[in-house]
């Protein structure tokens, strides 16, 4: 409905409830005015609730970026390529 429509219903309902003194027979304009005012207040509260819930801040989780090197770096000593060799020994008797 929006804020403008809600305020319009509240104003129209107040005019019908308090300012108009017409006798329609089967239709009581004061009751119609109060119903329109309540509908306008309900629409205004609903609109404000949805506007308020839209403005909440959402924290995005931090992503870890992994940098992967495309080329492996090979150390060079005296114009010779040196390859690293690592041996991992487990504790205990040799197999």
PDB file of N, CA and C in Angstrom:
ATOM      1  N   UNK A   1       0.837  -1.182   0.000  1.00  0.00           N
ATOM      2  CA  UNK A   1       0.000   0.000   0.000  1.00  0.00           C
ATOM      3  C   UNK A   1       0.882   1.245   0.000  1.00  0.00           C
ATOM      4  N   UNK A   2       1.867   1.305   0.819  1.00  0.00           N
ATOM      5  CA  UNK A   2       2.757   2.443   0.866  1.00  0.00           C
ATOM      6  C   UNK A   2       2.326   3.477   1.895  1.00  0.00           C
ATOM      7  N   UNK A   3       3.249   4.391   2.148  1.00  0.00           N
ATOM      8  CA  UNK A   3       2.976   5.419   3.160  1.00  0.00           C
ATOM      9  C   UNK A   3       1.909   6.393   2.670  1.00  0.00           C
ATOM     10  N   UNK A   4       1.968   6.778   1.419  1.00  0.00           N
ATOM     11  CA  UNK A   4       0.997   7.735   0.879  1.00  0.00           C
ATOM     12  C   UNK A   4      -0.424   7.210   0.905  1.00  0.00           C
ATOM     13  N   UNK A   5      -0.599   5.956   0.487  1.00  0.00           N
ATOM     14  CA  UNK A   5      -1.926   5.360   0.516  1.00  0.00           C
ATOM     15  C   UNK A   5      -2.462   5.205   1.926  1.00  0.00           C
ATOM     16  N   UNK A   6      -1.573   4.865   2.857  1.00  0.00           N
ATOM     17  CA  UNK A   6      -1.994   4.721   4.254  1.00  0.00           C
ATOM     18  C   UNK A   6      -2.437   6.058   4.847  1.00  0.00           C
ATOM     19  N   UNK A   7      -1.686   7.092   4.580  1.00  0.00           N
ATOM     20  CA  UNK A   7      -2.061   8.422   5.088  1.00  0.00           C
ATOM     21  C   UNK A   7      -3.368   8.881   4.452  1.00  0.00           C
ATOM     22  N   UNK A   8      -3.567   8.575   3.166  1.00  0.00           N
ATOM     23  CA  UNK A   8      -4.822   8.927   2.502  1.00  0.00           C
ATOM     24  C   UNK A   8      -6.010   8.227   3.168  1.00  0.00           C
ATOM     25  N   UNK A   9      -5.868   6.921   3.477  1.00  0.00           N
ATOM     26  CA  UNK A   9      -6.958   6.202   4.137  1.00  0.00           C
ATOM     27  C   UNK A   9      -7.234   6.753   5.531  1.00  0.00           C
ATOM     28  N   UNK A  10      -6.175   7.123   6.254  1.00  0.00           N
ATOM     29  CA  UNK A  10      -6.365   7.695   7.590  1.00  0.00           C
ATOM     30  C   UNK A  10      -7.109   9.020   7.496  1.00  0.00           C
ATOM     31  N   UNK A  11      -6.706   9.862   6.547  1.00  0.00           N
ATOM     32  CA  UNK A  11      -7.356  11.174   6.391  1.00  0.00           C
ATOM     33  C   UNK A  11      -8.812  11.015   5.936  1.00  0.00           C
ATOM     34  N   UNK A  12      -9.061  10.144   4.973  1.00  0.00           N
ATOM     35  CA  UNK A  12     -10.429   9.927   4.498  1.00  0.00           C
ATOM     36  C   UNK A  12     -11.316   9.354   5.609  1.00  0.00           C
ATOM     37  N   UNK A  13     -10.763   8.430   6.373  1.00  0.00           N
ATOM     38  CA  UNK A  13     -11.519   7.864   7.484  1.00  0.00           C
ATOM     39  C   UNK A  13     -11.821   8.893   8.558  1.00  0.00           C
ATOM     40  N   UNK A  14     -10.865   9.781   8.846  1.00  0.00           N
ATOM     41  CA  UNK A  14     -11.111  10.829   9.839  1.00  0.00           C
ATOM     42  C   UNK A  14     -12.182  11.803   9.354  1.00  0.00           C
ATOM     43  N   UNK A  15     -12.172  12.111   8.071  1.00  0.00           N
ATOM     44  CA  UNK A  15     -13.203  13.001   7.527  1.00  0.00           C
ATOM     45  C   UNK A  15     -14.576  12.344   7.645  1.00  0.00           C
ATOM     46  N   UNK A  16     -14.667  11.062   7.282  1.00  0.00           N
ATOM     47  CA  UNK A  16     -15.958  10.383   7.364  1.00  0.00           C
ATOM     48  C   UNK A  16     -16.412  10.189   8.808  1.00  0.00           C
ATOM     49  N   UNK A  17     -15.481   9.947   9.718  1.00  0.00           N
ATOM     50  CA  UNK A  17     -15.855   9.675  11.109  1.00  0.00           C
ATOM     51  C   UNK A  17     -16.219  10.933  11.876  1.00  0.00           C
ATOM     52  N   UNK A  18     -15.513  12.041  11.615  1.00  0.00           N
ATOM     53  CA  UNK A  18     -15.678  13.223  12.460  1.00  0.00           C
ATOM     54  C   UNK A  18     -16.353  14.413  11.771  1.00  0.00           C
ATOM     55  N   UNK A  19     -16.261  14.538  10.451  1.00  0.00           N
ATOM     56  CA  UNK A  19     -16.723  15.755   9.790  1.00  0.00           C
ATOM     57  C   UNK A  19     -18.062  15.586   9.062  1.00  0.00           C
ATOM     58  N   UNK A  20     -18.359  14.423   8.584  1.00  0.00           N
ATOM     59  CA  UNK A  20     -19.572  14.221   7.793  1.00  0.00           C
ATOM     60  C   UNK A  20     -20.699  13.782   8.716  1.00  0.00           C
ATOM     61  N   UNK A  21     -21.831  14.474   8.598  1.00  0.00           N
ATOM     62  CA  UNK A  21     -23.001  14.116   9.403  1.00  0.00           C
ATOM     63  C   UNK A  21     -24.182  13.794   8.495  1.00  0.00           C
ATOM     64  N   UNK A  22     -23.989  12.900   7.564  1.00  0.00           N
ATOM     65  CA  UNK A  22     -25.065  12.511   6.650  1.00  0.00           C
ATOM     66  C   UNK A  22     -25.719  11.230   7.162  1.00  0.00           C
ATOM     67  N   UNK A  23     -27.017  11.106   6.904  1.00  0.00           N
ATOM     68  CA  UNK A  23     -27.756   9.910   7.310  1.00  0.00           C
ATOM     69  C   UNK A  23     -28.005   9.076   6.067  1.00  0.00           C
ATOM     70  N   UNK A  24     -27.321   7.949   5.966  1.00  0.00           N
ATOM     71  CA  UNK A  24     -27.455   7.093   4.798  1.00  0.00           C
ATOM     72  C   UNK A  24     -28.467   5.973   5.029  1.00  0.00           C
ATOM     73  N   UNK A  25     -29.051   5.898   6.172  1.00  0.00           N
ATOM     74  CA  UNK A  25     -30.022   4.851   6.455  1.00  0.00           C
ATOM     75  C   UNK A  25     -29.343   3.591   6.950  1.00  0.00           C
ATOM     76  N   UNK A  26     -28.999   2.699   6.065  1.00  0.00           N
ATOM     77  CA  UNK A  26     -28.405   1.418   6.435  1.00  0.00           C
ATOM     78  C   UNK A  26     -26.890   1.496   6.617  1.00  0.00           C
ATOM     79  N   UNK A  27     -26.259   2.600   6.176  1.00  0.00           N
ATOM     80  CA  UNK A  27     -24.804   2.732   6.241  1.00  0.00           C
ATOM     81  C   UNK A  27     -24.425   3.818   7.237  1.00  0.00           C
ATOM     82  N   UNK A  28     -23.670   3.462   8.243  1.00  0.00           N
ATOM     83  CA  UNK A  28     -23.203   4.412   9.233  1.00  0.00           C
ATOM     84  C   UNK A  28     -21.823   4.903   8.802  1.00  0.00           C
ATOM     85  N   UNK A  29     -21.727   6.178   8.386  1.00  0.00           N
ATOM     86  CA  UNK A  29     -20.463   6.714   7.872  1.00  0.00           C
ATOM     87  C   UNK A  29     -19.395   6.834   8.948  1.00  0.00           C
ATOM     88  N   UNK A  30     -19.791   6.972  10.194  1.00  0.00           N
ATOM     89  CA  UNK A  30     -18.799   7.032  11.264  1.00  0.00           C
ATOM     90  C   UNK A  30     -18.061   5.696  11.399  1.00  0.00           C
ATOM     91  N   UNK A  31     -18.798   4.598  11.273  1.00  0.00           N
ATOM     92  CA  UNK A  31     -18.173   3.277  11.342  1.00  0.00           C
ATOM     93  C   UNK A  31     -17.276   3.053  10.139  1.00  0.00           C
ATOM     94  N   UNK A  32     -17.730   3.466   8.964  1.00  0.00           N
ATOM     95  CA  UNK A  32     -16.895   3.351   7.756  1.00  0.00           C
ATOM     96  C   UNK A  32     -15.619   4.161   7.927  1.00  0.00           C
ATOM     97  N   UNK A  33     -15.715   5.342   8.518  1.00  0.00           N
ATOM     98  CA  UNK A  33     -14.537   6.170   8.765  1.00  0.00           C
ATOM     99  C   UNK A  33     -13.551   5.507   9.706  1.00  0.00           C
ATOM    100  N   UNK A  34     -14.067   4.916  10.791  1.00  0.00           N
ATOM    101  CA  UNK A  34     -13.173   4.225  11.729  1.00  0.00           C
ATOM    102  C   UNK A  34     -12.513   3.008  11.085  1.00  0.00           C
ATOM    103  N   UNK A  35     -13.241   2.294  10.251  1.00  0.00           N
ATOM    104  CA  UNK A  35     -12.659   1.135   9.556  1.00  0.00           C
ATOM    105  C   UNK A  35     -11.557   1.588   8.607  1.00  0.00           C
ATOM    106  N   UNK A  36     -11.790   2.675   7.882  1.00  0.00           N
ATOM    107  CA  UNK A  36     -10.758   3.190   6.974  1.00  0.00           C
ATOM    108  C   UNK A  36      -9.538   3.678   7.743  1.00  0.00           C
ATOM    109  N   UNK A  37      -9.757   4.324   8.891  1.00  0.00           N
ATOM    110  CA  UNK A  37      -8.611   4.768   9.696  1.00  0.00           C
ATOM    111  C   UNK A  37      -7.807   3.582  10.213  1.00  0.00           C
ATOM    112  N   UNK A  38      -8.473   2.535  10.680  1.00  0.00           N
ATOM    113  CA  UNK A  38      -7.752   1.352  11.156  1.00  0.00           C
ATOM    114  C   UNK A  38      -6.997   0.656  10.021  1.00  0.00           C
ATOM    115  N   UNK A  39      -7.615   0.612   8.840  1.00  0.00           N
ATOM    116  CA  UNK A  39      -6.930   0.014   7.693  1.00  0.00           C
ATOM    117  C   UNK A  39      -5.704   0.841   7.306  1.00  0.00           C
ATOM    118  N   UNK A  40      -5.820   2.149   7.387  1.00  0.00           N
ATOM    119  CA  UNK A  40      -4.676   3.010   7.082  1.00  0.00           C
ATOM    120  C   UNK A  40      -3.551   2.852   8.085  1.00  0.00           C
ATOM    121  N   UNK A  41      -3.892   2.749   9.372  1.00  0.00           N
ATOM    122  CA  UNK A  41      -2.860   2.561  10.401  1.00  0.00           C
ATOM    123  C   UNK A  41      -2.185   1.199  10.230  1.00  0.00           C
ATOM    124  N   UNK A  42      -2.988   0.158   9.941  1.00  0.00           N
ATOM    125  CA  UNK A  42      -2.412  -1.171   9.725  1.00  0.00           C
ATOM    126  C   UNK A  42      -1.486  -1.173   8.503  1.00  0.00           C
ATOM    127  N   UNK A  43      -1.901  -0.515   7.430  1.00  0.00           N
ATOM    128  CA  UNK A  43      -1.040  -0.420   6.242  1.00  0.00           C
ATOM    129  C   UNK A  43       0.222   0.359   6.507  1.00  0.00           C
ATOM    130  N   UNK A  44       0.125   1.430   7.291  1.00  0.00           N
ATOM    131  CA  UNK A  44       1.303   2.236   7.613  1.00  0.00           C
ATOM    132  C   UNK A  44       2.286   1.438   8.464  1.00  0.00           C
ATOM    133  N   UNK A  45       1.789   0.719   9.463  1.00  0.00           N
ATOM    134  CA  UNK A  45       2.679  -0.087  10.304  1.00  0.00           C
ATOM    135  C   UNK A  45       3.334  -1.214   9.518  1.00  0.00           C
ATOM    136  N   UNK A  46       2.570  -1.841   8.636  1.00  0.00           N
ATOM    137  CA  UNK A  46       3.129  -2.911   7.805  1.00  0.00           C
ATOM    138  C   UNK A  46       4.205  -2.380   6.874  1.00  0.00           C
ATOM    139  N   UNK A  47       3.962  -1.223   6.267  1.00  0.00           N
ATOM    140  CA  UNK A  47       4.942  -0.622   5.363  1.00  0.00           C
ATOM    141  C   UNK A  47       6.212  -0.252   6.115  1.00  0.00           C
ATOM    142  N   UNK A  48       6.073   0.353   7.279  1.00  0.00           N
ATOM    143  CA  UNK A  48       7.249   0.733   8.055  1.00  0.00           C
ATOM    144  C   UNK A  48       8.024  -0.489   8.532  1.00  0.00           C
ATOM    145  N   UNK A  49       7.325  -1.564   8.868  1.00  0.00           N
ATOM    146  CA  UNK A  49       8.006  -2.788   9.288  1.00  0.00           C
ATOM    147  C   UNK A  49       8.847  -3.354   8.147  1.00  0.00           C
ATOM    148  N   UNK A  50       8.271  -3.426   6.950  1.00  0.00           N
ATOM    149  CA  UNK A  50       9.021  -3.982   5.831  1.00  0.00           C
ATOM    150  C   UNK A  50      10.155  -3.067   5.393  1.00  0.00           C
ATOM    151  N   UNK A  51       9.989  -1.759   5.488  1.00  0.00           N
ATOM    152  CA  UNK A  51      11.085  -0.847   5.176  1.00  0.00           C
ATOM    153  C   UNK A  51      12.223  -1.008   6.171  1.00  0.00           C
ATOM    154  N   UNK A  52      11.879  -1.215   7.449  1.00  0.00           N
ATOM    155  CA  UNK A  52      12.901  -1.358   8.474  1.00  0.00           C
ATOM    156  C   UNK A  52      13.645  -2.678   8.314  1.00  0.00           C
ATOM    157  N   UNK A  53      12.957  -3.745   7.956  1.00  0.00           N
ATOM    158  CA  UNK A  53      13.632  -5.034   7.808  1.00  0.00           C
ATOM    159  C   UNK A  53      14.513  -5.070   6.564  1.00  0.00           C
ATOM    160  N   UNK A  54      14.245  -4.209   5.596  1.00  0.00           N
ATOM    161  CA  UNK A  54      15.071  -4.164   4.391  1.00  0.00           C
ATOM    162  C   UNK A  54      16.414  -3.522   4.635  1.00  0.00           C
ATOM    163  N   UNK A  55      16.529  -2.699   5.666  1.00  0.00           N
ATOM    164  CA  UNK A  55      17.753  -1.938   5.885  1.00  0.00           C
ATOM    165  C   UNK A  55      18.742  -2.624   6.808  1.00  0.00           C
ATOM    166  N   UNK A  56      18.504  -3.875   7.151  1.00  0.00           N
ATOM    167  CA  UNK A  56      19.430  -4.579   8.028  1.00  0.00           C
ATOM    168  C   UNK A  56      20.725  -4.869   7.278  1.00  0.00           C
ATOM    169  N   UNK A  57      21.826  -4.809   8.010  1.00  0.00           N
ATOM    170  CA  UNK A  57      23.137  -5.065   7.428  1.00  0.00           C
ATOM    171  C   UNK A  57      23.422  -6.555   7.515  1.00  0.00           C
ATOM    172  N   UNK A  58      23.852  -7.109   6.418  1.00  0.00           N
ATOM    173  CA  UNK A  58      24.190  -8.524   6.382  1.00  0.00           C
ATOM    174  C   UNK A  58      25.704  -8.623   6.267  1.00  0.00           C
ATOM    175  N   UNK A  59      26.312  -9.298   7.217  1.00  0.00           N
ATOM    176  CA  UNK A  59      27.763  -9.472   7.194  1.00  0.00           C
ATOM    177  C   UNK A  59      28.103 -10.712   6.388  1.00  0.00           C
ATOM    178  N   UNK A  60      28.904 -10.525   5.365  1.00  0.00           N
ATOM    179  CA  UNK A  60      29.313 -11.640   4.530  1.00  0.00           C
ATOM    180  C   UNK A  60      30.509 -12.336   5.174  1.00  0.00           C
ATOM    181  N   UNK A  61      30.564 -13.656   5.095  1.00  0.00           N
ATOM    182  CA  UNK A  61      31.716 -14.357   5.674  1.00  0.00           C
ATOM    183  C   UNK A  61      32.991 -14.032   4.902  1.00  0.00           C
ATOM    184  N   UNK A  62      34.080 -14.010   5.621  1.00  0.00           N
ATOM    185  CA  UNK A  62      35.370 -13.697   5.008  1.00  0.00           C
ATOM    186  C   UNK A  62      35.876 -14.935   4.282  1.00  0.00           C
ATOM    187  N   UNK A  63      36.228 -14.752   3.044  1.00  0.00           N
ATOM    188  CA  UNK A  63      36.753 -15.860   2.256  1.00  0.00           C
ATOM    189  C   UNK A  63      38.262 -15.807   2.253  1.00  0.00           C
ATOM    190  N   UNK A  64      38.873 -16.966   2.430  1.00  0.00           N
ATOM    191  CA  UNK A  64      40.323 -17.033   2.348  1.00  0.00           C
ATOM    192  C   UNK A  64      40.712 -17.263   0.893  1.00  0.00           C
ATOM    193  N   UNK A  65      41.666 -16.486   0.444  1.00  0.00           N
ATOM    194  CA  UNK A  65      42.133 -16.652  -0.923  1.00  0.00           C
ATOM    195  C   UNK A  65      43.466 -17.375  -0.903  1.00  0.00           C
ATOM    196  N   UNK A  66      43.558 -18.394  -1.715  1.00  0.00           N
ATOM    197  CA  UNK A  66      44.814 -19.131  -1.806  1.00  0.00           C
ATOM    198  C   UNK A  66      45.500 -18.752  -3.107  1.00  0.00           C
ATOM    199  N   UNK A  67      46.735 -18.412  -2.985  1.00  0.00           N
ATOM    200  CA  UNK A  67      47.509 -18.059  -4.164  1.00  0.00           C
ATOM    201  C   UNK A  67      48.299 -19.289  -4.585  1.00  0.00           C
ATOM    202  N   UNK A  68      48.092 -19.697  -5.802  1.00  0.00           N
ATOM    203  CA  UNK A  68      48.785 -20.870  -6.326  1.00  0.00           C
ATOM    204  C   UNK A  68      49.765 -20.392  -7.384  1.00  0.00           C
ATOM    205  N   UNK A  69      51.041 -20.747  -7.183  1.00  0.00           N
ATOM    206  CA  UNK A  69      52.061 -20.341  -8.144  1.00  0.00           C
ATOM    207  C   UNK A  69      51.983 -21.255  -9.361  1.00  0.00           C
ATOM    208  N   UNK A  70      51.995 -20.661 -10.519  1.00  0.00           N
ATOM    209  CA  UNK A  70      51.909 -21.448 -11.748  1.00  0.00           C
ATOM    210  C   UNK A  70      53.214 -22.175 -12.022  1.00  0.00           C
ATOM    211  N   UNK A  71      54.347 -21.532 -11.775  1.00  0.00           N
ATOM    212  CA  UNK A  71      55.653 -22.141 -12.024  1.00  0.00           C
ATOM    213  C   UNK A  71      56.332 -22.422 -10.694  1.00  0.00           C
ATOM    214  N   UNK A  72      56.918 -23.622 -10.572  1.00  0.00           N
ATOM    215  CA  UNK A  72      57.667 -23.920  -9.368  1.00  0.00           C
ATOM    216  C   UNK A  72      59.035 -23.265  -9.461  1.00  0.00           C
ATOM    217  N   UNK A  73      59.452 -22.744  -8.348  1.00  0.00           N
ATOM    218  CA  UNK A  73      60.758 -22.079  -8.315  1.00  0.00           C
ATOM    219  C   UNK A  73      61.818 -23.134  -8.039  1.00  0.00           C
ATOM    220  N   UNK A  74      62.837 -23.189  -8.909  1.00  0.00           N
ATOM    221  CA  UNK A  74      63.935 -24.133  -8.747  1.00  0.00           C
ATOM    222  C   UNK A  74      65.179 -23.324  -8.432  1.00  0.00           C
ATOM    223  N   UNK A  75      65.786 -23.561  -7.256  1.00  0.00           N
ATOM    224  CA  UNK A  75      66.977 -22.786  -6.912  1.00  0.00           C
ATOM    225  C   UNK A  75      68.164 -23.123  -7.821  1.00  0.00           C
ATOM    226  N   UNK A  76      68.975 -22.130  -8.093  1.00  0.00           N
ATOM    227  CA  UNK A  76      70.138 -22.287  -8.970  1.00  0.00           C
ATOM    228  C   UNK A  76      71.381 -21.892  -8.181  1.00  0.00           C
ATOM    229  N   UNK A  77      72.428 -22.774  -8.225  1.00  0.00           N
ATOM    230  CA  UNK A  77      73.699 -22.453  -7.594  1.00  0.00           C
ATOM    231  C   UNK A  77      74.803 -22.667  -8.631  1.00  0.00           C
ATOM    232  N   UNK A  78      75.578 -21.663  -8.868  1.00  0.00           N
ATOM    233  CA  UNK A  78      76.692 -21.724  -9.821  1.00  0.00           C
ATOM    234  C   UNK A  78      76.240 -22.259 -11.173  1.00  0.00           C
ATOM    235  N   UNK A  79      75.191 -21.734 -11.712  1.00  0.00           N
ATOM    236  CA  UNK A  79      74.622 -22.127 -12.993  1.00  0.00           C
ATOM    237  C   UNK A  79      74.209 -23.598 -13.058  1.00  0.00           C
ATOM    238  N   UNK A  80      73.968 -24.205 -11.927  1.00  0.00           N
ATOM    239  CA  UNK A  80      73.481 -25.568 -11.901  1.00  0.00           C
ATOM    240  C   UNK A  80      72.122 -25.576 -11.201  1.00  0.00           C
ATOM    241  N   UNK A  81      71.232 -26.398 -11.681  1.00  0.00           N
ATOM    242  CA  UNK A  81      69.922 -26.526 -11.066  1.00  0.00           C
ATOM    243  C   UNK A  81      70.054 -27.458  -9.873  1.00  0.00           C
ATOM    244  N   UNK A  82      69.646 -26.993  -8.733  1.00  0.00           N
ATOM    245  CA  UNK A  82      69.725 -27.786  -7.521  1.00  0.00           C
ATOM    246  C   UNK A  82      68.314 -28.180  -7.116  1.00  0.00           C
ATOM    247  N   UNK A  83      68.098 -29.464  -6.972  1.00  0.00           N
ATOM    248  CA  UNK A  83      66.784 -29.940  -6.555  1.00  0.00           C
ATOM    249  C   UNK A  83      66.865 -30.320  -5.080  1.00  0.00           C
ATOM    250  N   UNK A  84      65.853 -29.939  -4.396  1.00  0.00           N
ATOM    251  CA  UNK A  84      65.813 -30.268  -2.978  1.00  0.00           C
ATOM    252  C   UNK A  84      65.279 -31.675  -2.803  1.00  0.00           C
ATOM    253  N   UNK A  85      65.892 -32.383  -1.902  1.00  0.00           N
ATOM    254  CA  UNK A  85      65.445 -33.722  -1.593  1.00  0.00           C
ATOM    255  C   UNK A  85      65.264 -33.776  -0.085  1.00  0.00           C
ATOM    256  N   UNK A  86      64.065 -34.111   0.326  1.00  0.00           N
ATOM    257  CA  UNK A  86      63.805 -34.210   1.755  1.00  0.00           C
ATOM    258  C   UNK A  86      63.359 -35.626   2.060  1.00  0.00           C
ATOM    259  N   UNK A  87      63.907 -36.136   3.101  1.00  0.00           N
ATOM    260  CA  UNK A  87      63.551 -37.477   3.516  1.00  0.00           C
ATOM    261  C   UNK A  87      62.855 -37.373   4.863  1.00  0.00           C
ATOM    262  N   UNK A  88      61.713 -38.006   4.939  1.00  0.00           N
ATOM    263  CA  UNK A  88      60.959 -37.977   6.175  1.00  0.00           C
ATOM    264  C   UNK A  88      61.065 -39.363   6.799  1.00  0.00           C
ATOM    265  N   UNK A  89      61.573 -39.411   8.007  1.00  0.00           N
ATOM    266  CA  UNK A  89      61.724 -40.693   8.698  1.00  0.00           C
ATOM    267  C   UNK A  89      60.753 -40.750   9.846  1.00  0.00           C
ATOM    268  N   UNK A  90      60.129 -41.879   9.962  1.00  0.00           N
ATOM    269  CA  UNK A  90      59.210 -42.085  11.053  1.00  0.00           C
ATOM    270  C   UNK A  90      59.974 -42.669  12.236  1.00  0.00           C
ATOM    271  N   UNK A  91      59.545 -42.277  13.438  1.00  0.00           N
ATOM    272  CA  UNK A  91      60.238 -42.862  14.590  1.00  0.00           C
ATOM    273  C   UNK A  91      59.924 -44.364  14.720  1.00  0.00           C
ATOM    274  N   UNK A  92      60.883 -45.083  15.179  1.00  0.00           N
ATOM    275  CA  UNK A  92      60.704 -46.530  15.345  1.00  0.00           C
ATOM    276  C   UNK A  92      61.781 -47.283  14.597  1.00  0.00           C
ATOM    277  N   UNK A  93      61.733 -48.598  14.663  1.00  0.00           N
ATOM    278  CA  UNK A  93      62.762 -49.400  13.994  1.00  0.00           C
ATOM    279  C   UNK A  93      62.590 -49.331  12.484  1.00  0.00           C
ATOM    280  N   UNK A  94      63.685 -49.423  11.723  1.00  0.00           N
ATOM    281  CA  UNK A  94      63.576 -49.376  10.260  1.00  0.00           C
ATOM    282  C   UNK A  94      62.834 -50.609   9.733  1.00  0.00           C
ATOM    283  N   UNK A  95      62.150 -50.399   8.663  1.00  0.00           N
ATOM    284  CA  UNK A  95      61.339 -51.495   8.109  1.00  0.00           C
ATOM    285  C   UNK A  95      62.146 -52.379   7.216  1.00  0.00           C
TER     286      UNK A  95
END
